[in-house]
PDB file of N, CA and C in Angstrom:
ATOM      1  N   MET A   1      13.803  -5.841  10.147  1.00  0.00           N
ATOM      2  CA  MET A   1      12.592  -6.697  10.358  1.00  0.00           C
ATOM      3  C   MET A   1      12.376  -7.116  11.728  1.00  0.00           C
ATOM      4  N   ASN A   2      11.205  -6.793  12.328  1.00  0.00           N
ATOM      5  CA  ASN A   2      11.004  -7.065  13.715  1.00  0.00           C
ATOM      6  C   ASN A   2      10.188  -8.263  13.884  1.00  0.00           C
ATOM      7  N   THR A   3      10.572  -9.405  14.249  1.00  0.00           N
ATOM      8  CA  THR A   3       9.832 -10.684  14.310  1.00  0.00           C
ATOM      9  C   THR A   3       8.686 -10.521  15.201  1.00  0.00           C
ATOM     10  N   ALA A   4       8.869  -9.956  16.306  1.00  0.00           N
ATOM     11  CA  ALA A   4       7.662  -9.931  17.326  1.00  0.00           C
ATOM     12  C   ALA A   4       6.577  -9.026  16.772  1.00  0.00           C
ATOM     13  N   ARG A   5       6.941  -8.023  15.988  1.00  0.00           N
ATOM     14  CA  ARG A   5       5.899  -7.143  15.433  1.00  0.00           C
ATOM     15  C   ARG A   5       5.113  -7.844  14.376  1.00  0.00           C
ATOM     16  N   ILE A   6       6.011  -8.636  13.588  1.00  0.00           N
ATOM     17  CA  ILE A   6       5.396  -9.347  12.490  1.00  0.00           C
ATOM     18  C   ILE A   6       4.314 -10.425  13.144  1.00  0.00           C
ATOM     19  N   GLU A   7       4.911 -11.248  14.094  1.00  0.00           N
ATOM     20  CA  GLU A   7       4.001 -12.235  14.630  1.00  0.00           C
ATOM     21  C   GLU A   7       2.716 -11.552  15.159  1.00  0.00           C
ATOM     22  N   MET A   8       2.808 -10.304  15.787  1.00  0.00           N
ATOM     23  CA  MET A   8       1.524  -9.599  16.342  1.00  0.00           C
ATOM     24  C   MET A   8       0.669  -9.136  15.230  1.00  0.00           C
ATOM     25  N   LEU A   9       1.328  -8.625  14.136  1.00  0.00           N
ATOM     26  CA  LEU A   9       0.511  -8.174  12.957  1.00  0.00           C
ATOM     27  C   LEU A   9      -0.372  -9.331  12.303  1.00  0.00           C
ATOM     28  N   GLU A  10       0.490 -10.522  12.288  1.00  0.00           N
ATOM     29  CA  GLU A  10      -0.127 -11.784  11.513  1.00  0.00           C
ATOM     30  C   GLU A  10      -1.256 -12.153  12.501  1.00  0.00           C
ATOM     31  N   LYS A  11      -1.240 -12.088  13.766  1.00  0.00           N
ATOM     32  CA  LYS A  11      -2.316 -12.466  14.728  1.00  0.00           C
ATOM     33  C   LYS A  11      -3.591 -11.496  14.486  1.00  0.00           C
ATOM     34  N   PHE A  12      -3.219 -10.138  14.472  1.00  0.00           N
ATOM     35  CA  PHE A  12      -4.233  -9.235  14.200  1.00  0.00           C
ATOM     36  C   PHE A  12      -4.963  -9.555  12.830  1.00  0.00           C
ATOM     37  N   MET A  13      -4.136  -9.954  11.816  1.00  0.00           N
ATOM     38  CA  MET A  13      -4.794 -10.176  10.598  1.00  0.00           C
ATOM     39  C   MET A  13      -5.866 -11.316  10.493  1.00  0.00           C
ATOM     40  N   LYS A  14      -5.333 -12.409  11.361  1.00  0.00           N
ATOM     41  CA  LYS A  14      -6.271 -13.529  11.426  1.00  0.00           C
ATOM     42  C   LYS A  14      -7.431 -13.268  12.282  1.00  0.00           C
ATOM     43  N   ASP A  15      -7.179 -12.388  13.363  1.00  0.00           N
ATOM     44  CA  ASP A  15      -8.361 -12.083  14.247  1.00  0.00           C
ATOM     45  C   ASP A  15      -9.330 -11.300  13.682  1.00  0.00           C
ATOM     46  N   ASP A  16      -9.089 -10.367  12.670  1.00  0.00           N
ATOM     47  CA  ASP A  16      -9.919  -9.533  12.136  1.00  0.00           C
ATOM     48  C   ASP A  16      -9.452  -9.332  10.535  1.00  0.00           C
ATOM     49  N   PRO A  17      -9.862 -10.117   9.774  1.00  0.00           N
ATOM     50  CA  PRO A  17      -9.531  -9.981   8.257  1.00  0.00           C
ATOM     51  C   PRO A  17     -10.107  -8.911   7.638  1.00  0.00           C
ATOM     52  N   THR A  18     -11.074  -8.177   8.101  1.00  0.00           N
ATOM     53  CA  THR A  18     -11.759  -6.983   7.629  1.00  0.00           C
ATOM     54  C   THR A  18     -10.989  -5.801   7.936  1.00  0.00           C
ATOM     55  N   ASP A  19      -9.985  -5.793   8.760  1.00  0.00           N
ATOM     56  CA  ASP A  19      -9.248  -4.693   9.155  1.00  0.00           C
ATOM     57  C   ASP A  19      -7.988  -4.530   8.243  1.00  0.00           C
ATOM     58  N   PRO A  20      -7.886  -3.478   7.280  1.00  0.00           N
ATOM     59  CA  PRO A  20      -6.775  -3.400   6.433  1.00  0.00           C
ATOM     60  C   PRO A  20      -5.313  -3.129   7.005  1.00  0.00           C
ATOM     61  N   PHE A  21      -5.547  -2.429   8.225  1.00  0.00           N
ATOM     62  CA  PHE A  21      -4.324  -1.951   8.808  1.00  0.00           C
ATOM     63  C   PHE A  21      -3.040  -3.106   8.964  1.00  0.00           C
ATOM     64  N   PRO A  22      -3.488  -4.211   9.679  1.00  0.00           N
ATOM     65  CA  PRO A  22      -2.410  -5.186   9.893  1.00  0.00           C
ATOM     66  C   PRO A  22      -1.711  -5.556   8.560  1.00  0.00           C
ATOM     67  N   ILE A  23      -2.615  -5.783   7.430  1.00  0.00           N
ATOM     68  CA  ILE A  23      -2.070  -6.246   6.109  1.00  0.00           C
ATOM     69  C   ILE A  23      -1.054  -5.078   5.626  1.00  0.00           C
ATOM     70  N   TYR A  24      -1.488  -3.848   5.729  1.00  0.00           N
ATOM     71  CA  TYR A  24      -0.685  -2.709   5.342  1.00  0.00           C
ATOM     72  C   TYR A  24       0.684  -2.732   6.106  1.00  0.00           C
ATOM     73  N   ALA A  25       0.526  -2.860   7.383  1.00  0.00           N
ATOM     74  CA  ALA A  25       1.751  -2.803   8.275  1.00  0.00           C
ATOM     75  C   ALA A  25       2.687  -3.822   7.878  1.00  0.00           C
ATOM     76  N   LEU A  26       2.239  -5.149   7.672  1.00  0.00           N
ATOM     77  CA  LEU A  26       3.033  -6.374   7.257  1.00  0.00           C
ATOM     78  C   LEU A  26       3.640  -5.987   6.010  1.00  0.00           C
ATOM     79  N   ALA A  27       2.962  -5.480   5.090  1.00  0.00           N
ATOM     80  CA  ALA A  27       3.610  -5.020   3.747  1.00  0.00           C
ATOM     81  C   ALA A  27       4.839  -4.212   3.976  1.00  0.00           C
ATOM     82  N   LEU A  28       4.678  -3.248   4.844  1.00  0.00           N
ATOM     83  CA  LEU A  28       5.849  -2.268   5.095  1.00  0.00           C
ATOM     84  C   LEU A  28       6.906  -2.860   5.843  1.00  0.00           C
ATOM     85  N   GLU A  29       6.645  -3.908   6.729  1.00  0.00           N
ATOM     86  CA  GLU A  29       7.646  -4.605   7.438  1.00  0.00           C
ATOM     87  C   GLU A  29       8.527  -5.484   6.603  1.00  0.00           C
ATOM     88  N   TYR A  30       7.860  -6.090   5.575  1.00  0.00           N
ATOM     89  CA  TYR A  30       8.513  -6.976   4.610  1.00  0.00           C
ATOM     90  C   TYR A  30       9.044  -6.300   3.392  1.00  0.00           C
ATOM     91  N   GLN A  31       8.965  -4.953   3.308  1.00  0.00           N
ATOM     92  CA  GLN A  31       9.442  -4.237   2.042  1.00  0.00           C
ATOM     93  C   GLN A  31      10.844  -4.481   1.621  1.00  0.00           C
ATOM     94  N   VAL A  32      11.726  -4.436   2.739  1.00  0.00           N
ATOM     95  CA  VAL A  32      13.145  -4.535   2.412  1.00  0.00           C
ATOM     96  C   VAL A  32      13.670  -5.738   2.259  1.00  0.00           C
ATOM     97  N   THR A  33      13.068  -6.849   3.050  1.00  0.00           N
ATOM     98  CA  THR A  33      13.738  -8.220   3.171  1.00  0.00           C
ATOM     99  C   THR A  33      12.883  -9.208   2.308  1.00  0.00           C
ATOM    100  N   GLU A  34      11.579  -8.908   2.057  1.00  0.00           N
ATOM    101  CA  GLU A  34      10.822  -9.989   1.264  1.00  0.00           C
ATOM    102  C   GLU A  34       9.915  -9.175   0.408  1.00  0.00           C
ATOM    103  N   PRO A  35      10.408  -8.617  -0.681  1.00  0.00           N
ATOM    104  CA  PRO A  35       9.757  -7.846  -1.790  1.00  0.00           C
ATOM    105  C   PRO A  35       8.349  -8.709  -2.261  1.00  0.00           C
ATOM    106  N   CYS A  36       8.801 -10.110  -2.454  1.00  0.00           N
ATOM    107  CA  CYS A  36       7.608 -10.801  -2.984  1.00  0.00           C
ATOM    108  C   CYS A  36       6.401 -10.907  -2.031  1.00  0.00           C
ATOM    109  N   LYS A  37       6.682 -10.985  -0.752  1.00  0.00           N
ATOM    110  CA  LYS A  37       5.729 -10.926   0.217  1.00  0.00           C
ATOM    111  C   LYS A  37       4.919  -9.521   0.287  1.00  0.00           C
ATOM    112  N   THR A  38       5.730  -8.572   0.211  1.00  0.00           N
ATOM    113  CA  THR A  38       5.189  -7.157   0.255  1.00  0.00           C
ATOM    114  C   THR A  38       4.283  -7.111  -1.161  1.00  0.00           C
ATOM    115  N   ARG A  39       4.675  -7.543  -2.152  1.00  0.00           N
ATOM    116  CA  ARG A  39       3.798  -7.452  -3.377  1.00  0.00           C
ATOM    117  C   ARG A  39       2.519  -8.115  -3.204  1.00  0.00           C
ATOM    118  N   GLN A  40       2.474  -9.361  -2.642  1.00  0.00           N
ATOM    119  CA  GLN A  40       1.373 -10.090  -2.306  1.00  0.00           C
ATOM    120  C   GLN A  40       0.426  -9.311  -1.431  1.00  0.00           C
ATOM    121  N   LEU A  41       0.909  -8.755  -0.458  1.00  0.00           N
ATOM    122  CA  LEU A  41       0.046  -8.024   0.665  1.00  0.00           C
ATOM    123  C   LEU A  41      -0.466  -6.669   0.070  1.00  0.00           C
ATOM    124  N   PHE A  42       0.427  -5.948  -0.766  1.00  0.00           N
ATOM    125  CA  PHE A  42      -0.291  -4.678  -1.536  1.00  0.00           C
ATOM    126  C   PHE A  42      -1.389  -5.133  -2.391  1.00  0.00           C
ATOM    127  N   GLU A  43      -1.089  -6.321  -3.275  1.00  0.00           N
ATOM    128  CA  GLU A  43      -2.053  -6.663  -4.117  1.00  0.00           C
ATOM    129  C   GLU A  43      -3.369  -7.108  -3.409  1.00  0.00           C
ATOM    130  N   GLN A  44      -3.283  -7.841  -2.228  1.00  0.00           N
ATOM    131  CA  GLN A  44      -4.348  -8.113  -1.599  1.00  0.00           C
ATOM    132  C   GLN A  44      -5.168  -6.959  -1.053  1.00  0.00           C
ATOM    133  N   LEU A  45      -4.493  -5.902  -0.532  1.00  0.00           N
ATOM    134  CA  LEU A  45      -5.058  -4.678  -0.012  1.00  0.00           C
ATOM    135  C   LEU A  45      -5.755  -3.984  -1.251  1.00  0.00           C
ATOM    136  N   LEU A  46      -5.141  -3.914  -2.312  1.00  0.00           N
ATOM    137  CA  LEU A  46      -5.796  -3.283  -3.586  1.00  0.00           C
ATOM    138  C   LEU A  46      -7.025  -3.882  -3.885  1.00  0.00           C
ATOM    139  N   THR A  47      -7.198  -5.218  -3.759  1.00  0.00           N
ATOM    140  CA  THR A  47      -8.279  -6.015  -4.219  1.00  0.00           C
ATOM    141  C   THR A  47      -9.358  -6.107  -3.127  1.00  0.00           C
ATOM    142  N   THR A  48      -9.077  -6.331  -1.886  1.00  0.00           N
ATOM    143  CA  THR A  48      -9.919  -6.597  -0.821  1.00  0.00           C
ATOM    144  C   THR A  48     -10.259  -5.345  -0.062  1.00  0.00           C
ATOM    145  N   HIS A  49      -9.456  -4.323  -0.048  1.00  0.00           N
ATOM    146  CA  HIS A  49      -9.540  -3.152   0.693  1.00  0.00           C
ATOM    147  C   HIS A  49      -9.263  -1.995  -0.183  1.00  0.00           C
ATOM    148  N   PRO A  50      -9.980  -1.628  -1.264  1.00  0.00           N
ATOM    149  CA  PRO A  50      -9.803  -0.652  -2.361  1.00  0.00           C
ATOM    150  C   PRO A  50     -10.067   0.727  -1.623  1.00  0.00           C
ATOM    151  N   GLU A  51     -10.716   0.763  -0.540  1.00  0.00           N
ATOM    152  CA  GLU A  51     -10.929   2.179   0.086  1.00  0.00           C
ATOM    153  C   GLU A  51      -9.961   2.655   1.128  1.00  0.00           C
ATOM    154  N   TYR A  52      -8.898   1.669   1.385  1.00  0.00           N
ATOM    155  CA  TYR A  52      -7.915   2.041   2.232  1.00  0.00           C
ATOM    156  C   TYR A  52      -6.776   2.855   1.521  1.00  0.00           C
ATOM    157  N   LEU A  53      -6.945   4.259   1.716  1.00  0.00           N
ATOM    158  CA  LEU A  53      -6.261   5.249   1.008  1.00  0.00           C
ATOM    159  C   LEU A  53      -4.750   5.021   1.248  1.00  0.00           C
ATOM    160  N   PRO A  54      -4.161   4.803   2.301  1.00  0.00           N
ATOM    161  CA  PRO A  54      -2.713   4.731   2.567  1.00  0.00           C
ATOM    162  C   PRO A  54      -1.959   3.716   1.665  1.00  0.00           C
ATOM    163  N   THR A  55      -2.781   2.775   1.167  1.00  0.00           N
ATOM    164  CA  THR A  55      -2.103   1.744   0.377  1.00  0.00           C
ATOM    165  C   THR A  55      -1.520   2.307  -0.870  1.00  0.00           C
ATOM    166  N   TYR A  56      -2.235   3.299  -1.468  1.00  0.00           N
ATOM    167  CA  TYR A  56      -1.821   3.677  -2.843  1.00  0.00           C
ATOM    168  C   TYR A  56      -0.604   4.369  -2.942  1.00  0.00           C
ATOM    169  N   TYR A  57      -0.174   5.281  -2.057  1.00  0.00           N
ATOM    170  CA  TYR A  57       1.106   5.842  -1.970  1.00  0.00           C
ATOM    171  C   TYR A  57       2.218   4.886  -1.701  1.00  0.00           C
ATOM    172  N   MET A  58       2.012   4.188  -0.768  1.00  0.00           N
ATOM    173  CA  MET A  58       3.091   3.083  -0.491  1.00  0.00           C
ATOM    174  C   MET A  58       3.402   2.077  -1.526  1.00  0.00           C
ATOM    175  N   ALA A  59       2.308   1.549  -2.133  1.00  0.00           N
ATOM    176  CA  ALA A  59       2.218   0.613  -3.101  1.00  0.00           C
ATOM    177  C   ALA A  59       2.719   1.110  -4.419  1.00  0.00           C
ATOM    178  N   GLY A  60       2.355   2.296  -4.747  1.00  0.00           N
ATOM    179  CA  GLY A  60       2.781   2.919  -5.847  1.00  0.00           C
ATOM    180  C   GLY A  60       4.396   3.253  -5.823  1.00  0.00           C
ATOM    181  N   ASN A  61       4.937   3.535  -4.663  1.00  0.00           N
ATOM    182  CA  ASN A  61       6.300   3.839  -4.472  1.00  0.00           C
ATOM    183  C   ASN A  61       7.015   2.338  -4.409  1.00  0.00           C
ATOM    184  N   PHE A  62       6.390   1.316  -4.023  1.00  0.00           N
ATOM    185  CA  PHE A  62       6.992   0.020  -3.953  1.00  0.00           C
ATOM    186  C   PHE A  62       7.071  -0.340  -5.350  1.00  0.00           C
ATOM    187  N   PHE A  63       6.093  -0.315  -6.195  1.00  0.00           N
ATOM    188  CA  PHE A  63       6.245  -0.741  -7.571  1.00  0.00           C
ATOM    189  C   PHE A  63       7.150   0.145  -8.434  1.00  0.00           C
ATOM    190  N   LEU A  64       7.363   1.406  -8.084  1.00  0.00           N
ATOM    191  CA  LEU A  64       8.322   2.148  -8.759  1.00  0.00           C
ATOM    192  C   LEU A  64       9.766   1.673  -8.389  1.00  0.00           C
ATOM    193  N   GLU A  65       9.942   1.311  -7.109  1.00  0.00           N
ATOM    194  CA  GLU A  65      11.301   0.739  -6.637  1.00  0.00           C
ATOM    195  C   GLU A  65      11.504  -0.637  -7.369  1.00  0.00           C
ATOM    196  N   GLN A  66      10.562  -1.302  -7.642  1.00  0.00           N
ATOM    197  CA  GLN A  66      10.677  -2.590  -8.348  1.00  0.00           C
ATOM    198  C   GLN A  66      10.846  -2.391  -9.886  1.00  0.00           C
ATOM    199  N   GLY A  67      10.838  -1.219 -10.285  1.00  0.00           N
ATOM    200  CA  GLY A  67      10.965  -0.968 -11.779  1.00  0.00           C
ATOM    201  C   GLY A  67       9.698  -1.211 -12.585  1.00  0.00           C
ATOM    202  N   GLU A  68       8.604  -1.173 -11.889  1.00  0.00           N
ATOM    203  CA  GLU A  68       7.305  -1.482 -12.500  1.00  0.00           C
ATOM    204  C   GLU A  68       6.511  -0.114 -12.701  1.00  0.00           C
ATOM    205  N   VAL A  69       7.062   0.661 -13.705  1.00  0.00           N
ATOM    206  CA  VAL A  69       6.470   2.090 -13.623  1.00  0.00           C
ATOM    207  C   VAL A  69       5.146   2.102 -14.209  1.00  0.00           C
ATOM    208  N   GLU A  70       4.672   1.248 -15.010  1.00  0.00           N
ATOM    209  CA  GLU A  70       3.272   1.102 -15.566  1.00  0.00           C
ATOM    210  C   GLU A  70       2.362   0.560 -14.365  1.00  0.00           C
ATOM    211  N   ARG A  71       2.715  -0.180 -13.656  1.00  0.00           N
ATOM    212  CA  ARG A  71       1.925  -0.696 -12.453  1.00  0.00           C
ATOM    213  C   ARG A  71       1.864   0.346 -11.418  1.00  0.00           C
ATOM    214  N   ALA A  72       3.028   1.085 -11.166  1.00  0.00           N
ATOM    215  CA  ALA A  72       3.012   2.176 -10.206  1.00  0.00           C
ATOM    216  C   ALA A  72       2.110   3.253 -10.574  1.00  0.00           C
ATOM    217  N   THR A  73       2.054   3.694 -11.895  1.00  0.00           N
ATOM    218  CA  THR A  73       1.389   4.798 -12.423  1.00  0.00           C
ATOM    219  C   THR A  73      -0.166   4.309 -12.191  1.00  0.00           C
ATOM    220  N   GLY A  74      -0.553   3.279 -12.668  1.00  0.00           N
ATOM    221  CA  GLY A  74      -1.943   2.825 -12.386  1.00  0.00           C
ATOM    222  C   GLY A  74      -2.419   2.941 -10.974  1.00  0.00           C
ATOM    223  N   VAL A  75      -1.449   2.426 -10.057  1.00  0.00           N
ATOM    224  CA  VAL A  75      -1.883   2.332  -8.647  1.00  0.00           C
ATOM    225  C   VAL A  75      -2.036   3.812  -8.038  1.00  0.00           C
ATOM    226  N   LEU A  76      -1.120   4.749  -8.377  1.00  0.00           N
ATOM    227  CA  LEU A  76      -1.083   6.040  -7.975  1.00  0.00           C
ATOM    228  C   LEU A  76      -2.360   6.840  -8.557  1.00  0.00           C
ATOM    229  N   GLN A  77      -2.770   6.464  -9.867  1.00  0.00           N
ATOM    230  CA  GLN A  77      -3.966   7.161 -10.425  1.00  0.00           C
ATOM    231  C   GLN A  77      -5.265   6.850  -9.700  1.00  0.00           C
ATOM    232  N   LEU A  78      -5.168   5.391  -9.463  1.00  0.00           N
ATOM    233  CA  LEU A  78      -6.487   4.874  -8.650  1.00  0.00           C
ATOM    234  C   LEU A  78      -6.478   5.728  -7.407  1.00  0.00           C
ATOM    235  N   GLY A  79      -5.345   5.887  -6.600  1.00  0.00           N
ATOM    236  CA  GLY A  79      -5.201   6.561  -5.357  1.00  0.00           C
ATOM    237  C   GLY A  79      -5.700   7.999  -5.495  1.00  0.00           C
ATOM    238  N   LEU A  80      -5.324   8.624  -6.520  1.00  0.00           N
ATOM    239  CA  LEU A  80      -5.791  10.093  -6.859  1.00  0.00           C
ATOM    240  C   LEU A  80      -7.293  10.071  -6.915  1.00  0.00           C
ATOM    241  N   LYS A  81      -7.860   9.131  -7.618  1.00  0.00           N
ATOM    242  CA  LYS A  81      -9.324   9.259  -7.781  1.00  0.00           C
ATOM    243  C   LYS A  81      -9.999   9.060  -6.272  1.00  0.00           C
ATOM    244  N   LEU A  82      -9.347   8.094  -5.659  1.00  0.00           N
ATOM    245  CA  LEU A  82     -10.008   7.945  -4.311  1.00  0.00           C
ATOM    246  C   LEU A  82      -9.834   9.068  -3.411  1.00  0.00           C
ATOM    247  N   ALA A  83      -8.667   9.701  -3.373  1.00  0.00           N
ATOM    248  CA  ALA A  83      -8.331  10.861  -2.622  1.00  0.00           C
ATOM    249  C   ALA A  83      -9.242  12.148  -2.928  1.00  0.00           C
ATOM    250  N   LYS A  84      -9.481  12.229  -4.200  1.00  0.00           N
ATOM    251  CA  LYS A  84     -10.383  13.264  -4.648  1.00  0.00           C
ATOM    252  C   LYS A  84     -11.887  13.039  -4.158  1.00  0.00           C
ATOM    253  N   ARG A  85     -12.285  11.714  -4.243  1.00  0.00           N
ATOM    254  CA  ARG A  85     -13.672  11.291  -3.843  1.00  0.00           C
ATOM    255  C   ARG A  85     -13.833  11.610  -2.452  1.00  0.00           C
ATOM    256  N   LEU A  86     -12.811  11.335  -1.676  1.00  0.00           N
ATOM    257  CA  LEU A  86     -12.766  11.300  -0.305  1.00  0.00           C
ATOM    258  C   LEU A  86     -12.461  12.755   0.458  1.00  0.00           C
ATOM    259  N   ASN A  87     -11.995  13.653  -0.687  1.00  0.00           N
ATOM    260  CA  ASN A  87     -11.688  14.968  -0.296  1.00  0.00           C
ATOM    261  C   ASN A  87     -10.431  14.977   0.699  1.00  0.00           C
ATOM    262  N   GLU A  88      -9.534  14.059   0.423  1.00  0.00           N
ATOM    263  CA  GLU A  88      -8.301  13.909   1.332  1.00  0.00           C
ATOM    264  C   GLU A  88      -7.166  14.633   0.533  1.00  0.00           C
ATOM    265  N   LEU A  89      -7.089  16.055   0.798  1.00  0.00           N
ATOM    266  CA  LEU A  89      -6.210  16.873  -0.003  1.00  0.00           C
ATOM    267  C   LEU A  89      -4.693  16.619   0.219  1.00  0.00           C
ATOM    268  N   ALA A  90      -4.188  16.167   1.482  1.00  0.00           N
ATOM    269  CA  ALA A  90      -2.878  15.897   1.687  1.00  0.00           C
ATOM    270  C   ALA A  90      -2.516  14.612   0.990  1.00  0.00           C
ATOM    271  N   ALA A  91      -3.389  13.658   0.935  1.00  0.00           N
ATOM    272  CA  ALA A  91      -2.990  12.456   0.204  1.00  0.00           C
ATOM    273  C   ALA A  91      -2.962  12.634  -1.254  1.00  0.00           C
ATOM    274  N   LEU A  92      -3.860  13.583  -1.788  1.00  0.00           N
ATOM    275  CA  LEU A  92      -3.973  14.001  -2.984  1.00  0.00           C
ATOM    276  C   LEU A  92      -2.710  14.705  -3.528  1.00  0.00           C
ATOM    277  N   ARG A  93      -2.152  15.569  -2.726  1.00  0.00           N
ATOM    278  CA  ARG A  93      -0.834  16.201  -3.014  1.00  0.00           C
ATOM    279  C   ARG A  93       0.311  15.270  -3.121  1.00  0.00           C
ATOM    280  N   GLU A  94       0.319  14.347  -2.073  1.00  0.00           N
ATOM    281  CA  GLU A  94       1.464  13.385  -2.100  1.00  0.00           C
ATOM    282  C   GLU A  94       1.425  12.436  -3.339  1.00  0.00           C
ATOM    283  N   LEU A  95       0.173  11.859  -3.670  1.00  0.00           N
ATOM    284  CA  LEU A  95       0.188  10.911  -4.804  1.00  0.00           C
ATOM    285  C   LEU A  95       0.377  11.734  -6.081  1.00  0.00           C
ATOM    286  N   GLN A  96      -0.064  13.088  -6.193  1.00  0.00           N
ATOM    287  CA  GLN A  96       0.323  13.781  -7.465  1.00  0.00           C
ATOM    288  C   GLN A  96       1.717  14.073  -7.496  1.00  0.00           C
ATOM    289  N   SER A  97       2.357  14.319  -6.360  1.00  0.00           N
ATOM    290  CA  SER A  97       3.782  14.595  -6.346  1.00  0.00           C
ATOM    291  C   SER A  97       4.535  13.353  -6.968  1.00  0.00           C
ATOM    292  N   VAL A  98       4.334  12.124  -6.523  1.00  0.00           N
ATOM    293  CA  VAL A  98       4.856  10.947  -7.014  1.00  0.00           C
ATOM    294  C   VAL A  98       4.677  10.885  -8.656  1.00  0.00           C
ATOM    295  N   LEU A  99       3.485  11.066  -8.922  1.00  0.00           N
ATOM    296  CA  LEU A  99       3.246  10.894 -10.411  1.00  0.00           C
ATOM    297  C   LEU A  99       3.843  12.035 -11.268  1.00  0.00           C
ATOM    298  N   ASP A 100       4.048  13.160 -10.675  1.00  0.00           N
ATOM    299  CA  ASP A 100       4.817  14.325 -11.491  1.00  0.00           C
ATOM    300  C   ASP A 100       6.202  13.965 -11.554  1.00  0.00           C
ATOM    301  N   ASN A 101       6.791  13.084 -10.598  1.00  0.00           N
ATOM    302  CA  ASN A 101       8.126  12.718 -10.725  1.00  0.00           C
ATOM    303  C   ASN A 101       8.517  11.544 -11.537  1.00  0.00           C
ATOM    304  N   ILE A 102       7.429  10.864 -12.048  1.00  0.00           N
ATOM    305  CA  ILE A 102       7.717   9.800 -12.959  1.00  0.00           C
ATOM    306  C   ILE A 102       8.094  10.134 -14.318  1.00  0.00           C
TER     307      ILE A 102
END
């Protein structure tokens, strides 16, 4: 965990709460050391920035690692729908691959 990077991302989040990237990057920073914080940030992204496609792959994997298979499956399926709608084929393949391995 990089404290300077976390402080910078938190500042970016305050400066522009409409930008999903700082929230996403913070979730990734906290993933190993503070899973509760990661969960909160992923849930925030899924609720307030549902069009931010990168969230679905990482959040789905996070929930799998936490043993929450049902939640992970739901998130990954939502990501698949979004990837199809956006015609994002690489993301579609990645999301489907995770689902296939569940």
